[in-house]
Protein backbone atom coordinates (compact mmCIF):
# COMPACT_ATOMS: atom_id res chain seq x y z
CA MET A 1 0.81 -12.37 16.38
CA ASN A 2 3.28 -9.53 16.46
CA GLY A 3 2.25 -7.65 13.34
CA ARG A 4 0.13 -7.82 10.25
CA GLU A 5 0.85 -7.51 6.55
CA TRP A 6 -1.84 -6.52 4.09
CA LEU A 7 -1.43 -7.63 0.48
CA VAL A 8 -3.93 -5.73 -1.64
CA GLU A 9 -4.83 -5.99 -5.32
CA ALA A 10 -7.20 -3.44 -6.83
CA HIS A 11 -8.63 -4.00 -10.32
CA GLY A 12 -10.72 -1.89 -12.69
CA CYS A 13 -8.92 1.26 -11.53
CA SER A 14 -8.70 4.52 -13.42
CA PRO A 15 -5.59 4.38 -15.65
CA GLN A 16 -5.21 8.14 -15.21
CA ALA A 17 -5.18 7.85 -11.40
CA LEU A 18 -2.66 5.00 -11.55
CA ALA A 19 -0.29 7.16 -13.62
CA ASP A 20 -0.58 10.21 -11.35
CA VAL A 21 2.01 10.49 -8.56
CA GLN A 22 -0.12 13.13 -6.80
CA VAL A 23 -3.07 10.71 -6.53
CA LEU A 24 -0.82 7.98 -5.15
CA ARG A 25 0.87 10.39 -2.75
CA ALA A 26 -2.59 11.38 -1.48
CA LEU A 27 -3.43 7.68 -1.02
CA PHE A 28 -0.25 7.15 1.04
CA ASP A 29 -0.97 10.31 3.06
CA ARG A 30 -4.49 9.11 3.82
CA LEU A 31 -3.35 5.64 4.87
CA ILE A 32 -0.61 7.11 7.07
CA ALA A 33 -2.99 9.57 8.75
CA GLU A 34 -5.96 7.23 9.22
CA LEU A 35 -3.84 4.34 10.54
CA GLY A 36 -1.60 6.52 12.72
CA LEU A 37 1.59 5.45 10.94
CA HIS A 38 4.96 7.19 11.27
CA PRO A 39 7.12 7.73 8.16
CA VAL A 40 10.85 7.86 8.87
CA ALA A 41 11.55 9.58 5.53
CA PRO A 42 9.51 10.97 2.62
CA ALA A 43 8.04 8.39 0.26
CA GLN A 44 10.09 7.68 -2.85
CA TRP A 45 8.42 7.42 -6.27
CA HIS A 46 9.57 6.02 -9.61
CA ARG A 47 7.62 6.45 -12.85
CA PHE A 48 8.23 3.87 -15.55
CA PRO A 49 8.20 4.75 -19.27
CA GLY A 50 5.55 3.50 -21.66
CA PRO A 51 2.16 3.16 -20.05
CA GLY A 52 3.54 5.06 -17.05
CA GLY A 53 3.27 2.66 -14.13
CA ILE A 54 4.52 3.97 -10.80
CA THR A 55 6.23 2.33 -7.84
CA GLY A 56 6.12 4.03 -4.45
CA LEU A 57 7.80 3.11 -1.18
CA CYS A 58 7.53 4.69 2.26
CA MET A 59 9.65 3.42 5.13
CA LEU A 60 7.68 3.53 8.36
CA ALA A 61 8.64 3.26 12.01
CA GLU A 62 6.10 0.41 11.91
CA SER A 63 7.75 -1.21 8.80
CA HIS A 64 6.76 -0.22 5.22
CA LEU A 65 4.10 0.83 2.72
CA ALA A 66 4.60 0.10 -0.98
CA CYS A 67 2.55 0.25 -4.17
CA HIS A 68 3.01 -0.73 -7.78
CA THR A 69 0.60 0.48 -10.47
CA PHE A 70 -0.14 -1.02 -13.86
CA PRO A 71 -2.28 1.50 -15.79
CA GLU A 72 -2.29 -0.74 -18.86
CA HIS A 73 -4.03 -3.43 -16.76
CA GLU A 74 -6.06 -0.96 -14.65
CA SER A 75 -4.55 -2.51 -11.52
CA LEU A 76 -2.70 -1.55 -8.37
CA CYS A 77 -0.79 -3.81 -5.98
CA LEU A 78 -0.27 -2.46 -2.49
CA ASN A 79 1.60 -3.85 0.51
CA LEU A 80 1.49 -2.56 4.08
CA PHE A 81 3.39 -4.24 6.91
CA CYS A 82 2.89 -3.02 10.47
CA CYS A 83 4.90 -4.58 13.27
CA ARG A 84 2.31 -3.36 15.79
CA PRO A 85 -1.45 -3.99 15.66
CA ARG A 86 -3.44 -1.42 13.71
CA PRO A 87 -7.17 -1.06 13.08
CA GLU A 88 -8.55 -2.52 9.87
CA TRP A 89 -8.78 0.00 7.04
CA ASP A 90 -11.68 -0.16 4.57
CA TRP A 91 -9.51 -0.99 1.56
CA GLU A 92 -12.44 -1.44 -0.81
CA ALA A 93 -14.10 1.90 -0.06
CA GLY A 94 -10.81 3.79 0.15
CA LEU A 95 -9.43 2.45 -3.12
CA ARG A 96 -12.76 2.91 -4.89
CA GLU A 97 -12.73 6.56 -3.83
CA MET A 98 -9.02 7.26 -4.45
CA VAL A 99 -8.29 5.31 -7.67
CA GLY A 100 -11.71 4.20 -8.91
CA ALA A 101 -11.19 0.50 -8.06
CA ALA A 102 -14.05 -1.74 -9.16
CA HIS A 103 -12.80 -4.87 -7.36
CA VAL A 104 -10.43 -5.18 -4.40
CA VAL A 105 -8.85 -8.33 -2.98
CA VAL A 106 -7.23 -8.11 0.46
CA ARG A 107 -5.13 -10.78 2.10
CA ALA A 108 -4.12 -10.09 5.69
CA VAL A 109 -1.17 -12.13 6.94
CA ASP A 110 -0.33 -12.30 10.63
CA ARG A 111 3.42 -11.98 11.15
CA ASP A 112 4.78 -13.77 14.20
CA TYR A 113 8.43 -12.75 14.20
CA ALA A 114 8.86 -13.19 17.98
CA ALA A 115 8.10 -16.93 17.70
CA VAL A 116 11.19 -17.51 15.55
CA PRO A 117 14.22 -18.57 17.63
CA ALA A 118 17.13 -16.17 17.44
CA ALA A 119 20.10 -17.37 15.36
CA ARG A 120 23.20 -18.13 17.40
């Protein structure tokens, strides 16, 4: 394994939190600090019209952190890829605290990019 990618779905979240860029920015800041990640630029945020879903993306020296919120469905989808090993983060407790998640599903995928032969 060379890296790990976490695919996270949080359900039963607060619609207000999911529509608040400041809440999501605080979530990114917490993940970055607690996992020792290194942003290469400030996170970018886009708010959609209507129910006000938000997409956020932060490029990291380790790869990327992204989220997509769906306030109308009370759900958040989050993706973190780290090309170097990182400690496990307590996604359930963190997302319960930050966005009020009632149920969290986490899939961790080991990424083995060094095992792929280089194209010639």
